Protein backbone atom coordinates (compact mmCIF):
# COMPACT_ATOMS: atom_id res chain seq x y z
CA MET A 1 123.87 102.04 110.32
CA ALA A 2 120.47 100.41 110.09
CA ARG A 3 119.24 98.59 106.97
CA THR A 4 116.02 98.20 106.89
CA PRO A 5 114.25 98.52 103.56
CA TRP A 6 112.19 101.64 103.28
CA ARG A 7 109.11 101.17 101.47
CA VAL A 8 107.88 104.13 98.53
CA THR A 9 105.01 103.84 97.87
CA ASP A 10 103.61 105.56 93.96
CA SER A 11 100.44 104.32 93.19
CA ARG A 12 99.80 106.97 90.68
CA PRO A 13 100.56 106.26 86.96
CA GLY A 14 103.88 107.27 85.88
CA ALA A 15 106.63 107.19 88.60
CA GLY A 16 107.17 110.39 90.45
CA LEU A 17 110.55 112.23 90.74
CA GLY A 18 110.25 112.81 94.18
CA GLY A 19 109.86 109.06 95.55
CA LEU A 20 112.63 108.23 92.73
CA VAL A 21 114.98 110.73 93.89
CA LEU A 22 114.53 109.94 97.41
CA ALA A 23 115.30 106.31 96.79
CA ARG A 24 118.34 107.33 94.74
CA VAL A 25 119.92 109.56 97.66
CA LEU A 26 119.10 106.74 100.10
CA HIS A 27 121.39 104.12 97.58
CA VAL A 28 124.07 106.97 97.89
CA HIS A 29 123.98 106.96 101.51
CA GLY A 30 124.08 102.70 101.56
CA ILE A 31 120.50 102.49 102.59
CA PRO A 32 118.27 100.02 100.62
CA ALA A 33 114.26 101.31 99.70
CA THR A 34 111.75 99.66 97.63
CA VAL A 35 109.53 101.95 95.30
CA TYR A 36 106.15 100.76 94.70
CA GLU A 37 105.08 101.64 91.05
CA ALA A 38 101.72 101.11 89.15
CA ASP A 39 102.84 101.28 86.08
CA ALA A 40 103.54 98.05 84.38
CA SER A 41 106.96 98.52 83.39
CA PRO A 42 109.18 101.91 82.42
CA ALA A 43 107.67 102.45 78.69
CA ALA A 44 103.92 101.83 79.72
CA ARG A 45 103.35 105.34 78.84
CA THR A 46 104.81 108.70 78.16
CA GLN A 47 105.86 111.08 81.19
CA GLY A 48 104.39 114.63 80.53
CA GLY A 49 106.28 117.53 78.79
CA GLN A 50 108.96 119.52 79.54
CA LEU A 51 110.49 121.23 83.09
CA ASP A 52 112.65 123.90 84.18
CA ILE A 53 115.09 122.47 87.09
CA HIS A 54 115.52 125.22 89.46
CA PRO A 55 119.32 125.73 91.28
CA GLY A 56 117.90 125.98 94.63
CA ASP A 57 115.80 122.94 95.14
CA GLY A 58 115.57 120.64 91.57
CA GLN A 59 119.24 121.09 90.74
CA ARG A 60 120.35 120.72 94.64
CA ALA A 61 118.48 117.22 94.79
CA LEU A 62 120.43 115.45 91.53
CA ASP A 63 123.54 116.80 92.71
CA ASP A 64 122.85 115.09 96.13
CA ALA A 65 121.78 111.74 94.04
CA GLY A 66 125.22 112.09 92.18
CA LEU A 67 123.23 112.47 88.72
CA THR A 68 124.33 116.81 87.92
CA ASP A 69 126.49 115.30 84.89
CA ALA A 70 123.69 112.72 83.62
CA PHE A 71 121.04 115.91 83.87
CA ARG A 72 123.81 118.16 81.80
CA GLU A 73 123.28 115.54 79.40
CA ILE A 74 119.77 115.84 78.85
CA ILE A 75 119.01 119.66 78.61
CA HIS A 76 117.07 120.78 75.77
CA GLU A 77 119.03 123.92 74.64
CA GLY A 78 117.26 126.87 73.82
CA ALA A 79 114.22 125.84 75.48
CA ASP A 80 114.34 128.48 78.53
CA ALA A 81 113.21 130.85 75.72
CA ALA A 82 109.79 132.43 76.56
CA ARG A 83 107.73 134.84 74.18
CA ILE A 84 103.89 136.69 74.93
CA LEU A 85 101.46 136.97 72.11
CA GLY A 86 98.08 138.81 72.05
CA LYS A 87 94.90 136.76 70.82
CA ASP A 88 95.84 138.10 67.19
CA GLY A 89 99.58 136.50 67.23
CA GLU A 90 101.11 139.70 68.00
CA LEU A 91 104.26 139.47 69.46
CA LEU A 92 104.08 141.38 72.96
CA LEU A 93 107.28 140.33 74.45
CA ASP A 94 110.84 138.20 73.50
CA VAL A 95 112.48 136.46 75.95
CA PRO A 96 115.43 135.20 74.94
CA GLY A 97 116.92 132.02 76.89
CA ASP A 98 120.20 131.99 78.92
CA ASP A 99 121.40 128.22 77.17
CA GLY A 100 120.11 126.71 80.06
CA ALA A 101 122.60 128.36 82.52
CA THR A 102 120.57 129.31 85.10
CA ARG A 103 116.75 126.97 84.77
CA PRO A 104 117.69 124.76 82.27
CA GLU A 105 114.86 122.40 80.69
CA VAL A 106 114.55 118.65 80.22
CA LEU A 107 112.05 116.56 79.29
CA ARG A 108 110.33 114.79 82.19
CA GLY A 109 110.84 111.00 80.50
CA ASP A 110 114.62 111.91 80.53
CA LEU A 111 114.89 113.10 83.48
CA ARG A 112 112.80 109.65 85.07
CA ARG A 113 115.04 107.61 82.87
CA ILE A 114 118.45 108.68 84.71
CA LEU A 115 116.98 108.22 87.90
CA LEU A 116 115.54 104.80 87.26
CA ASP A 117 118.99 103.68 85.59
CA SER A 118 120.64 104.78 88.52
CA LEU A 119 118.90 102.67 91.15
CA PRO A 120 119.79 98.97 91.47
CA GLU A 121 118.01 96.45 89.93
CA GLY A 122 114.46 95.38 91.92
CA THR A 123 114.32 98.69 93.53
CA VAL A 124 111.27 99.59 91.62
CA ARG A 125 108.52 96.93 91.56
CA TRP A 126 105.91 97.65 88.31
CA GLY A 127 103.02 96.99 88.40
CA ALA A 128 102.00 97.30 92.13
CA LYS A 129 98.97 99.47 92.07
CA VAL A 130 98.19 100.42 95.77
CA THR A 131 94.64 99.85 96.55
CA GLY A 132 94.64 100.46 100.37
CA VAL A 133 96.63 101.10 103.06
CA ARG A 134 96.26 100.37 107.24
CA SER A 135 98.34 100.82 110.25
CA LEU A 136 99.46 98.00 112.08
CA GLY A 137 100.65 100.18 115.49
CA ASP A 138 104.06 100.74 116.33
CA GLY A 139 104.89 102.61 113.17
CA ARG A 140 104.48 100.03 111.05
CA HIS A 141 101.57 99.53 107.87
CA GLU A 142 100.48 97.02 105.85
CA VAL A 143 100.00 98.51 102.20
CA SER A 144 97.56 96.39 99.90
CA PHE A 145 97.76 96.12 95.89
CA ALA A 146 95.44 95.49 93.14
CA ASP A 147 96.79 91.80 93.00
CA GLY A 148 95.89 90.62 96.24
CA SER A 149 99.59 90.98 97.92
CA THR A 150 100.78 92.86 100.85
CA VAL A 151 103.86 94.29 102.23
CA VAL A 152 104.61 95.75 105.71
CA SER A 153 106.43 98.67 106.06
CA ALA A 154 109.17 99.83 108.48
CA LEU A 155 108.58 103.25 107.10
CA LEU A 156 106.38 104.12 104.58
CA VAL A 157 106.54 107.28 102.28
CA GLY A 158 103.67 108.17 99.96
CA ALA A 159 105.23 109.79 97.20
CA ASP A 160 101.78 109.04 95.30
CA GLY A 161 100.69 112.54 94.10
CA ALA A 162 97.22 114.23 94.26
CA TRP A 163 94.81 111.37 95.13
CA SER A 164 97.58 109.54 97.39
CA ARG A 165 96.46 106.67 99.50
CA VAL A 166 98.96 107.33 101.89
CA ARG A 167 97.83 110.88 103.20
CA PRO A 168 94.49 109.86 105.11
CA LEU A 169 96.93 108.39 107.22
CA LEU A 170 97.98 111.74 108.60
CA SER A 171 95.72 113.99 107.32
CA ASP A 172 91.67 114.40 106.42
CA ALA A 173 92.49 116.76 104.01
CA ARG A 174 90.86 116.49 100.09
CA PRO A 175 92.60 117.93 96.96
CA ALA A 176 89.82 120.62 95.88
CA TYR A 177 89.00 121.95 92.31
CA THR A 178 90.77 125.35 91.47
CA GLY A 179 88.12 125.99 89.00
CA THR A 180 90.83 126.12 86.13
CA THR A 181 91.37 123.25 84.03
CA PHE A 182 94.47 123.16 81.31
CA VAL A 183 93.41 121.05 78.13
CA GLU A 184 96.59 119.03 76.66
CA THR A 185 97.11 118.50 73.08
CA TYR A 186 100.18 117.93 70.96
CA LEU A 187 101.35 118.59 67.14
CA HIS A 188 104.12 116.82 65.47
CA ASP A 189 107.00 117.53 63.13
CA VAL A 190 105.65 120.79 63.40
CA ASP A 191 108.70 122.57 61.09
CA ALA A 192 107.19 120.89 58.45
CA ARG A 193 103.63 119.91 58.98
CA HIS A 194 102.81 123.12 60.85
CA PRO A 195 105.61 125.89 60.07
CA ALA A 196 103.71 128.97 60.86
CA THR A 197 102.28 127.57 64.06
CA ALA A 198 106.09 126.41 64.81
CA ARG A 199 107.28 130.40 64.07
CA LEU A 200 104.95 131.47 66.28
CA VAL A 201 105.56 129.64 68.96
CA GLY A 202 109.18 129.67 68.81
CA PRO A 203 112.19 128.02 70.26
CA GLY A 204 110.89 127.78 73.78
CA ALA A 205 107.74 128.41 75.70
CA MET A 206 104.65 130.65 74.21
CA TYR A 207 102.07 132.38 76.51
CA ALA A 208 98.83 133.76 74.59
CA LEU A 209 96.96 134.99 77.10
CA ALA A 210 93.36 136.70 77.94
CA PRO A 211 90.96 137.02 81.00
CA GLY A 212 90.17 133.47 82.05
CA LYS A 213 91.57 131.85 79.56
CA GLY A 214 95.03 131.34 77.56
CA ILE A 215 96.64 128.72 74.92
CA VAL A 216 100.15 128.29 76.43
CA ALA A 217 102.77 125.91 74.37
CA HIS A 218 106.28 124.77 74.69
CA ARG A 219 108.66 123.28 71.91
CA GLU A 220 109.80 120.15 72.82
CA ALA A 221 113.17 118.22 71.53
CA GLY A 222 111.89 116.44 67.97
CA GLY A 223 109.81 119.10 66.55
CA VAL A 224 107.02 118.89 69.00
CA LEU A 225 104.72 121.45 70.17
CA HIS A 226 102.79 120.79 73.42
CA THR A 227 100.44 122.55 74.47
CA TYR A 228 97.95 123.07 77.56
CA VAL A 229 94.82 125.23 76.61
CA GLN A 230 93.79 126.77 79.92
CA LEU A 231 90.39 127.75 80.98
CA THR A 232 88.60 129.14 83.90
CA ARG A 233 85.31 126.98 83.86
CA SER A 234 83.33 124.80 86.20
CA ALA A 235 83.78 121.21 86.94
CA GLU A 236 80.58 120.48 85.01
CA TRP A 237 81.26 122.51 82.30
CA ILE A 238 84.43 120.47 81.86
CA ALA A 239 82.71 117.44 82.40
CA GLY A 240 80.63 118.34 79.65
CA LEU A 241 83.46 117.99 77.07
CA GLY A 242 83.79 114.42 77.11
CA LEU A 243 87.25 114.09 77.54
CA PRO A 244 89.26 111.82 79.34
CA GLY A 245 90.79 113.36 82.50
CA GLY A 246 87.49 115.17 82.54
CA GLY A 247 86.63 114.37 86.04
CA ALA A 248 87.43 115.23 89.72
CA HIS A 249 89.38 111.97 90.58
CA PRO A 250 91.27 109.33 88.89
CA ALA A 251 88.41 106.93 89.19
CA ALA A 252 86.49 109.53 85.99
CA ARG A 253 89.24 109.29 83.93
CA ALA A 254 87.73 106.73 81.39
CA GLY A 255 88.68 107.57 77.73
CA ALA A 256 86.54 109.26 75.67
CA ASP A 257 85.49 107.85 72.08
CA ALA A 258 86.51 109.63 68.73
CA ASP A 259 83.26 111.50 68.14
CA ALA A 260 83.32 112.92 71.99
CA GLY A 261 86.58 114.11 71.45
CA ALA A 262 86.09 116.09 68.19
CA SER A 263 83.05 117.63 69.83
CA GLY A 264 85.09 118.41 72.89
CA THR A 265 87.49 120.37 71.12
CA ALA A 266 85.46 121.95 69.08
CA ARG A 267 83.62 123.20 71.87
CA ILE A 268 87.16 124.43 73.54
CA ALA A 269 88.10 125.72 70.23
CA ALA A 270 85.10 128.01 70.12
CA GLU A 271 86.37 129.40 73.34
CA PHE A 272 88.86 131.48 71.18
CA ASP A 273 86.74 132.66 68.19
CA GLY A 274 88.95 135.30 66.39
CA TRP A 275 92.33 134.40 68.04
CA ALA A 276 94.88 134.17 65.44
CA PRO A 277 94.57 130.73 63.44
CA GLU A 278 98.18 129.60 63.67
CA LEU A 279 97.05 129.50 67.66
CA LEU A 280 94.05 127.76 67.16
CA ALA A 281 95.59 125.00 65.39
CA LEU A 282 97.15 124.19 68.31
CA ILE A 283 93.64 123.30 69.57
CA THR A 284 91.80 122.07 66.26
CA ASP A 285 95.14 120.21 64.77
CA GLY A 286 96.05 118.15 67.54
CA GLU A 287 97.32 114.99 66.61
CA THR A 288 96.72 113.11 70.10
CA ALA A 289 93.57 113.35 71.73
CA PRO A 290 92.85 115.79 74.26
CA VAL A 291 93.15 115.54 78.17
CA ALA A 292 91.56 117.56 80.61
CA ARG A 293 93.88 118.00 83.37
CA MET A 294 91.73 119.54 86.05
CA ILE A 295 93.47 121.44 88.64
CA HIS A 296 93.61 121.14 92.19
CA THR A 297 95.24 122.28 95.34
CA LEU A 298 95.28 121.03 98.87
CA PRO A 299 94.64 123.54 101.38
CA ASP A 300 97.44 126.40 101.70
CA GLY A 301 100.03 125.33 104.07
CA HIS A 302 98.74 121.95 104.57
CA ARG A 303 100.33 120.37 107.13
CA TRP A 304 99.97 117.30 109.84
CA ASP A 305 100.59 115.67 113.51
CA ARG A 306 103.79 113.39 113.52
CA VAL A 307 102.38 109.61 113.16
CA PRO A 308 104.83 106.81 113.30
CA GLY A 309 106.50 105.34 110.74
CA VAL A 310 104.86 107.34 107.51
CA THR A 311 105.20 110.78 106.04
CA LEU A 312 104.75 112.42 102.55
CA LEU A 313 106.38 114.00 99.86
CA GLY A 314 105.80 116.18 96.57
CA ASP A 315 102.12 116.84 95.82
CA ALA A 316 100.66 114.27 98.30
CA ALA A 317 102.24 116.60 100.84
CA HIS A 318 101.69 119.77 99.18
CA LEU A 319 99.41 119.78 96.02
CA MET A 320 99.43 123.34 94.54
CA PRO A 321 98.22 124.95 91.44
CA PRO A 322 101.07 124.51 88.79
CA SER A 323 103.59 127.30 89.08
CA GLY A 324 107.06 125.62 87.64
CA ASP A 325 107.90 124.47 91.54
CA GLY A 326 106.07 121.04 91.93
CA ALA A 327 108.72 118.66 90.42
CA ASN A 328 111.36 120.40 91.59
CA LEU A 329 109.82 120.62 95.16
CA ALA A 330 109.59 116.82 94.91
CA MET A 331 112.76 116.00 94.61
CA TYR A 332 113.89 118.55 96.85
CA ASP A 333 111.43 116.68 99.28
CA GLY A 334 113.09 113.47 98.22
CA ALA A 335 116.13 114.27 98.65
CA GLU A 336 116.03 116.02 102.10
CA LEU A 337 113.83 112.91 103.87
CA ALA A 338 116.74 110.80 102.38
CA LYS A 339 119.43 113.03 104.14
CA ALA A 340 117.40 113.42 107.60
CA ILE A 341 117.38 109.36 107.48
CA ALA A 342 120.85 108.98 106.99
CA ALA A 343 121.45 111.54 109.44
CA HIS A 344 119.54 108.87 112.06
CA PRO A 345 119.59 105.93 110.71
CA ASP A 346 119.06 104.24 114.09
CA ASP A 347 115.78 106.62 114.78
CA ILE A 348 113.68 106.78 112.15
CA GLU A 349 111.10 109.32 114.05
CA LYS A 350 113.85 111.76 115.00
CA ALA A 351 114.92 111.76 111.33
CA LEU A 352 111.15 112.22 110.22
CA THR A 353 110.83 114.84 112.98
CA ALA A 354 113.52 116.92 111.54
CA TYR A 355 112.18 116.44 107.98
CA GLU A 356 108.64 117.90 108.61
CA GLU A 357 109.84 120.75 110.64
CA ALA A 358 111.45 121.76 107.62
CA LEU A 359 109.00 120.46 105.11
CA PHE A 360 106.07 122.68 106.30
CA PRO A 361 107.34 126.19 106.06
CA ARG A 362 109.22 125.09 103.25
CA SER A 363 106.27 124.50 100.88
CA ALA A 364 103.91 127.13 102.85
CA SER A 365 105.77 129.55 101.31
CA PHE A 366 105.10 128.19 97.69
CA TYR A 367 101.41 128.15 97.57
CA ALA A 368 101.15 131.99 97.52
CA ASP A 369 103.45 132.31 94.62
CA ALA A 370 101.38 129.43 92.71
CA HIS A 371 98.11 131.34 92.97
CA GLU A 372 100.09 134.53 92.02
CA ILE A 373 101.17 132.50 88.78
CA ILE A 374 97.71 131.81 87.78
CA ASP A 375 95.90 134.80 88.30
CA LEU A 376 99.08 136.68 86.12
CA VAL A 377 98.54 134.00 83.50
CA ILE A 378 94.79 133.84 83.32
CA GLY A 379 93.35 136.65 86.06
CA GLU A 380 92.18 139.96 85.12
CA ARG A 381 95.25 141.37 84.00
CA ALA A 382 96.47 138.78 81.57
CA PRO A 383 98.15 139.16 79.47
CA TYR A 384 99.80 142.13 80.84
CA GLY A 385 100.34 140.78 84.51
CA LEU A 386 102.74 138.39 82.99
CA ILE A 387 104.68 140.81 81.14
CA ASP A 388 104.88 142.99 83.98
CA PHE A 389 106.58 139.57 85.72
CA PHE A 390 108.70 138.88 83.18
CA GLU A 391 110.06 142.41 82.66
CA GLY A 392 110.55 142.48 86.39
CA GLY A 393 112.29 139.40 86.58
CA ALA A 394 114.82 140.51 83.92
CA GLN A 395 115.49 143.88 85.60
CA GLU A 396 116.41 142.19 88.96
CA GLN A 397 118.72 139.75 86.87
């Protein structure tokens, strides 16, 4: 079996789950890899909110990684419940959880931790921000880093997200703004400090929706409410809020000052004038600076021609609007790529061809679902489109 160390680039902050699964499943098969990560250390930043891990892809990937037991230990019990509210706070639909039996919820940071803990020391190179990649021919690529160092890969995998530095080796596609932005806020110690809002949100996810806008919150472990305020607005309108993240590219994510944050929060709250005060508190009482997450997508069914020595996984390969599938697909990509390499250790091009031939139709099928979910949440039928979706799913089960 070949023992060539594969290079996995993850140049965005916060090591991507897909790249870590790839490295872990390769390790299970006795194949070393190196993950290059922009963050200075595992504790450099928070890692986002909760994820529901699906049985058909995310849970299968963790099983391939030999981490099912560790995964079960980090499940947030009861967090898979959901409720849909009117803008006045009226309960329109209450969907109880199933105690994590189907799609258990875990914190992204906890999932990342068990993946990192499962890798040999030195697998992840921290503080390795990728600044450029170029082909050297014969399937080899040179990766340049912000500190001036370079490495040459035998196999380069771009697991580096929406603004991938590796993708241009394969595709001219660029992420396009969908017209929807999620503004992220947090409340802490909610049962003591924000009891009315905590009761309204409930034990899991809460959706308060209207055409073109919505407030979606999720209870996380430790008495935290993590909120995404969803708005269908132009890129110019979002940029005018002056919030960090309110740009179309990471270069535009400079932090805003406190006055700009307060002004942006007030403008966002004004979009929900007349909504229940317990819902508005998720915006106005936020205890961290709000961050604007502009939603981008690659062209539906994004694919590329085979290029020797390089491929993509996760958002780098198939960025689409959030629908609960992104992290699951990225982890599954990583596991499937690792298994393809293990099956063809002496013919990497055969491994990459097999992986991509399955990747393209698999990811293409999720684009339509992603667009449908966004439409159900803040389209013209909101909130009743999402109610019909939940009730239909319950009837099918």
